[in-house]
Amino acid sequence: MVGLTLDTAGALAAAREMGAAGWAATELLLAMRIGMAEGAATRREGETT
């Protein structure tokens, strides 16, 4: 996940506003980072083909 940035404080605040707390908020942030990494990998694959 090198080169990916995520406003962690902002994302955590958004997760809490949606009602997530504790581990649920952490899981939401992790899912966001995984999604960002997968999207970046897909874009890189498209550039090389």
PDB file of N, CA and C in Angstrom:
ATOM      1  N   MET A   1       0.823  -1.189   0.000  1.00  0.00           N
ATOM      2  CA  MET A   1       0.000   0.000   0.000  1.00  0.00           C
ATOM      3  C   MET A   1       0.868   1.254   0.000  1.00  0.00           C
ATOM      4  N   VAL A   2       2.033   1.140  -0.547  1.00  0.00           N
ATOM      5  CA  VAL A   2       2.940   2.270  -0.608  1.00  0.00           C
ATOM      6  C   VAL A   2       2.369   3.324  -1.535  1.00  0.00           C
ATOM      7  N   GLY A   3       2.459   4.571  -1.131  1.00  0.00           N
ATOM      8  CA  GLY A   3       1.997   5.662  -1.963  1.00  0.00           C
ATOM      9  C   GLY A   3       0.526   5.996  -1.806  1.00  0.00           C
ATOM     10  N   LEU A   4      -0.196   5.213  -1.049  1.00  0.00           N
ATOM     11  CA  LEU A   4      -1.609   5.504  -0.830  1.00  0.00           C
ATOM     12  C   LEU A   4      -1.752   6.364   0.404  1.00  0.00           C
ATOM     13  N   THR A   5      -2.597   7.356   0.313  1.00  0.00           N
ATOM     14  CA  THR A   5      -2.830   8.205   1.468  1.00  0.00           C
ATOM     15  C   THR A   5      -4.300   8.157   1.839  1.00  0.00           C
ATOM     16  N   LEU A   6      -4.552   8.211   3.107  1.00  0.00           N
ATOM     17  CA  LEU A   6      -5.912   8.214   3.625  1.00  0.00           C
ATOM     18  C   LEU A   6      -5.942   9.145   4.818  1.00  0.00           C
ATOM     19  N   ASP A   7      -6.824  10.100   4.791  1.00  0.00           N
ATOM     20  CA  ASP A   7      -6.985  10.996   5.932  1.00  0.00           C
ATOM     21  C   ASP A   7      -7.603  10.177   7.059  1.00  0.00           C
ATOM     22  N   THR A   8      -6.738   9.562   7.860  1.00  0.00           N
ATOM     23  CA  THR A   8      -7.193   8.627   8.883  1.00  0.00           C
ATOM     24  C   THR A   8      -8.117   9.304   9.889  1.00  0.00           C
ATOM     25  N   ALA A   9      -7.741  10.485  10.337  1.00  0.00           N
ATOM     26  CA  ALA A   9      -8.586  11.184  11.320  1.00  0.00           C
ATOM     27  C   ALA A   9      -9.948  11.512  10.727  1.00  0.00           C
ATOM     28  N   GLY A  10      -9.955  11.988   9.488  1.00  0.00           N
ATOM     29  CA  GLY A  10     -11.220  12.308   8.829  1.00  0.00           C
ATOM     30  C   GLY A  10     -12.059  11.071   8.574  1.00  0.00           C
ATOM     31  N   ALA A  11     -11.399   9.994   8.154  1.00  0.00           N
ATOM     32  CA  ALA A  11     -12.125   8.755   7.893  1.00  0.00           C
ATOM     33  C   ALA A  11     -12.693   8.170   9.178  1.00  0.00           C
ATOM     34  N   LEU A  12     -11.931   8.256  10.264  1.00  0.00           N
ATOM     35  CA  LEU A  12     -12.424   7.764  11.549  1.00  0.00           C
ATOM     36  C   LEU A  12     -13.610   8.595  12.023  1.00  0.00           C
ATOM     37  N   ALA A  13     -13.529   9.898  11.839  1.00  0.00           N
ATOM     38  CA  ALA A  13     -14.653  10.762  12.209  1.00  0.00           C
ATOM     39  C   ALA A  13     -15.889  10.414  11.386  1.00  0.00           C
ATOM     40  N   ALA A  14     -15.702  10.164  10.086  1.00  0.00           N
ATOM     41  CA  ALA A  14     -16.831   9.785   9.235  1.00  0.00           C
ATOM     42  C   ALA A  14     -17.420   8.450   9.676  1.00  0.00           C
ATOM     43  N   ALA A  15     -16.544   7.500  10.033  1.00  0.00           N
ATOM     44  CA  ALA A  15     -17.024   6.192  10.501  1.00  0.00           C
ATOM     45  C   ALA A  15     -17.852   6.353  11.768  1.00  0.00           C
ATOM     46  N   ARG A  16     -17.403   7.199  12.653  1.00  0.00           N
ATOM     47  CA  ARG A  16     -18.144   7.414  13.903  1.00  0.00           C
ATOM     48  C   ARG A  16     -19.468   8.115  13.644  1.00  0.00           C
ATOM     49  N   GLU A  17     -19.474   9.045  12.683  1.00  0.00           N
ATOM     50  CA  GLU A  17     -20.730   9.724  12.338  1.00  0.00           C
ATOM     51  C   GLU A  17     -21.744   8.727  11.772  1.00  0.00           C
ATOM     52  N   MET A  18     -21.237   7.677  11.105  1.00  0.00           N
ATOM     53  CA  MET A  18     -22.127   6.656  10.557  1.00  0.00           C
ATOM     54  C   MET A  18     -22.536   5.645  11.623  1.00  0.00           C
ATOM     55  N   GLY A  19     -22.052   5.821  12.841  1.00  0.00           N
ATOM     56  CA  GLY A  19     -22.463   4.958  13.934  1.00  0.00           C
ATOM     57  C   GLY A  19     -21.473   3.870  14.282  1.00  0.00           C
ATOM     58  N   ALA A  20     -20.353   3.804  13.591  1.00  0.00           N
ATOM     59  CA  ALA A  20     -19.347   2.778  13.896  1.00  0.00           C
ATOM     60  C   ALA A  20     -18.511   3.226  15.080  1.00  0.00           C
ATOM     61  N   ALA A  21     -18.196   2.282  15.944  1.00  0.00           N
ATOM     62  CA  ALA A  21     -17.365   2.603  17.107  1.00  0.00           C
ATOM     63  C   ALA A  21     -16.386   1.460  17.335  1.00  0.00           C
ATOM     64  N   GLY A  22     -15.275   1.767  17.953  1.00  0.00           N
ATOM     65  CA  GLY A  22     -14.299   0.746  18.325  1.00  0.00           C
ATOM     66  C   GLY A  22     -13.811  -0.059  17.141  1.00  0.00           C
ATOM     67  N   TRP A  23     -13.924  -1.387  17.258  1.00  0.00           N
ATOM     68  CA  TRP A  23     -13.429  -2.297  16.222  1.00  0.00           C
ATOM     69  C   TRP A  23     -14.163  -2.112  14.910  1.00  0.00           C
ATOM     70  N   ALA A  24     -15.438  -1.755  14.962  1.00  0.00           N
ATOM     71  CA  ALA A  24     -16.195  -1.555  13.721  1.00  0.00           C
ATOM     72  C   ALA A  24     -15.605  -0.406  12.915  1.00  0.00           C
ATOM     73  N   ALA A  25     -15.217   0.666  13.577  1.00  0.00           N
ATOM     74  CA  ALA A  25     -14.592   1.790  12.887  1.00  0.00           C
ATOM     75  C   ALA A  25     -13.246   1.378  12.308  1.00  0.00           C
ATOM     76  N   THR A  26     -12.498   0.584  13.044  1.00  0.00           N
ATOM     77  CA  THR A  26     -11.209   0.101  12.567  1.00  0.00           C
ATOM     78  C   THR A  26     -11.386  -0.772  11.337  1.00  0.00           C
ATOM     79  N   GLU A  27     -12.380  -1.658  11.368  1.00  0.00           N
ATOM     80  CA  GLU A  27     -12.653  -2.530  10.229  1.00  0.00           C
ATOM     81  C   GLU A  27     -13.051  -1.708   9.004  1.00  0.00           C
ATOM     82  N   LEU A  28     -13.814  -0.648   9.202  1.00  0.00           N
ATOM     83  CA  LEU A  28     -14.221   0.205   8.094  1.00  0.00           C
ATOM     84  C   LEU A  28     -13.004   0.888   7.479  1.00  0.00           C
ATOM     85  N   LEU A  29     -12.100   1.394   8.311  1.00  0.00           N
ATOM     86  CA  LEU A  29     -10.885   2.023   7.795  1.00  0.00           C
ATOM     87  C   LEU A  29     -10.027   1.021   7.039  1.00  0.00           C
ATOM     88  N   LEU A  30      -9.913  -0.191   7.557  1.00  0.00           N
ATOM     89  CA  LEU A  30      -9.130  -1.227   6.883  1.00  0.00           C
ATOM     90  C   LEU A  30      -9.742  -1.559   5.525  1.00  0.00           C
ATOM     91  N   ALA A  31     -11.057  -1.671   5.476  1.00  0.00           N
ATOM     92  CA  ALA A  31     -11.730  -1.962   4.213  1.00  0.00           C
ATOM     93  C   ALA A  31     -11.488  -0.844   3.201  1.00  0.00           C
ATOM     94  N   MET A  32     -11.484   0.399   3.653  1.00  0.00           N
ATOM     95  CA  MET A  32     -11.219   1.517   2.764  1.00  0.00           C
ATOM     96  C   MET A  32      -9.804   1.429   2.207  1.00  0.00           C
ATOM     97  N   ARG A  33      -8.833   1.126   3.056  1.00  0.00           N
ATOM     98  CA  ARG A  33      -7.435   1.030   2.602  1.00  0.00           C
ATOM     99  C   ARG A  33      -7.259  -0.125   1.625  1.00  0.00           C
ATOM    100  N   ILE A  34      -7.905  -1.250   1.895  1.00  0.00           N
ATOM    101  CA  ILE A  34      -7.813  -2.396   0.991  1.00  0.00           C
ATOM    102  C   ILE A  34      -8.416  -2.028  -0.366  1.00  0.00           C
ATOM    103  N   GLY A  35      -9.554  -1.357  -0.339  1.00  0.00           N
ATOM    104  CA  GLY A  35     -10.188  -0.918  -1.576  1.00  0.00           C
ATOM    105  C   GLY A  35      -9.298   0.037  -2.358  1.00  0.00           C
ATOM    106  N   MET A  36      -8.638   0.954  -1.652  1.00  0.00           N
ATOM    107  CA  MET A  36      -7.726   1.884  -2.319  1.00  0.00           C
ATOM    108  C   MET A  36      -6.567   1.126  -2.948  1.00  0.00           C
ATOM    109  N   ALA A  37      -6.020   0.141  -2.231  1.00  0.00           N
ATOM    110  CA  ALA A  37      -4.890  -0.638  -2.745  1.00  0.00           C
ATOM    111  C   ALA A  37      -5.305  -1.445  -3.971  1.00  0.00           C
ATOM    112  N   GLU A  38      -6.486  -2.046  -3.930  1.00  0.00           N
ATOM    113  CA  GLU A  38      -6.957  -2.829  -5.071  1.00  0.00           C
ATOM    114  C   GLU A  38      -7.208  -1.935  -6.278  1.00  0.00           C
ATOM    115  N   GLY A  39      -7.756  -0.769  -6.044  1.00  0.00           N
ATOM    116  CA  GLY A  39      -7.986   0.177  -7.140  1.00  0.00           C
ATOM    117  C   GLY A  39      -6.682   0.632  -7.766  1.00  0.00           C
ATOM    118  N   ALA A  40      -5.685   0.912  -6.930  1.00  0.00           N
ATOM    119  CA  ALA A  40      -4.383   1.333  -7.441  1.00  0.00           C
ATOM    120  C   ALA A  40      -3.732   0.212  -8.239  1.00  0.00           C
ATOM    121  N   ALA A  41      -3.844  -1.021  -7.757  1.00  0.00           N
ATOM    122  CA  ALA A  41      -3.264  -2.163  -8.470  1.00  0.00           C
ATOM    123  C   ALA A  41      -3.942  -2.347  -9.822  1.00  0.00           C
ATOM    124  N   THR A  42      -5.256  -2.175  -9.868  1.00  0.00           N
ATOM    125  CA  THR A  42      -5.997  -2.309 -11.121  1.00  0.00           C
ATOM    126  C   THR A  42      -5.563  -1.239 -12.111  1.00  0.00           C
ATOM    127  N   ARG A  43      -5.376  -0.012 -11.624  1.00  0.00           N
ATOM    128  CA  ARG A  43      -4.936   1.062 -12.512  1.00  0.00           C
ATOM    129  C   ARG A  43      -3.534   0.787 -13.047  1.00  0.00           C
ATOM    130  N   ARG A  44      -2.648   0.286 -12.179  1.00  0.00           N
ATOM    131  CA  ARG A  44      -1.281  -0.036 -12.630  1.00  0.00           C
ATOM    132  C   ARG A  44      -1.294  -1.141 -13.682  1.00  0.00           C
ATOM    133  N   GLU A  45      -2.135  -2.141 -13.507  1.00  0.00           N
ATOM    134  CA  GLU A  45      -2.239  -3.223 -14.498  1.00  0.00           C
ATOM    135  C   GLU A  45      -2.712  -2.663 -15.839  1.00  0.00           C
ATOM    136  N   GLY A  46      -3.632  -1.733 -15.818  1.00  0.00           N
ATOM    137  CA  GLY A  46      -4.137  -1.139 -17.042  1.00  0.00           C
ATOM    138  C   GLY A  46      -3.087  -0.312 -17.765  1.00  0.00           C
ATOM    139  N   GLU A  47      -2.155   0.273 -17.028  1.00  0.00           N
ATOM    140  CA  GLU A  47      -1.105   1.086 -17.635  1.00  0.00           C
ATOM    141  C   GLU A  47      -0.063   0.229 -18.337  1.00  0.00           C
ATOM    142  N   THR A  48       0.167  -0.980 -17.864  1.00  0.00           N
ATOM    143  CA  THR A  48       1.245  -1.806 -18.407  1.00  0.00           C
ATOM    144  C   THR A  48       0.784  -2.685 -19.573  1.00  0.00           C
ATOM    145  N   THR A  49      -0.527  -2.833 -19.756  1.00  0.00           N
ATOM    146  CA  THR A  49      -1.001  -3.718 -20.826  1.00  0.00           C
ATOM    147  C   THR A  49      -1.293  -2.944 -22.084  1.00  0.00           C
TER     148      THR A  49
END
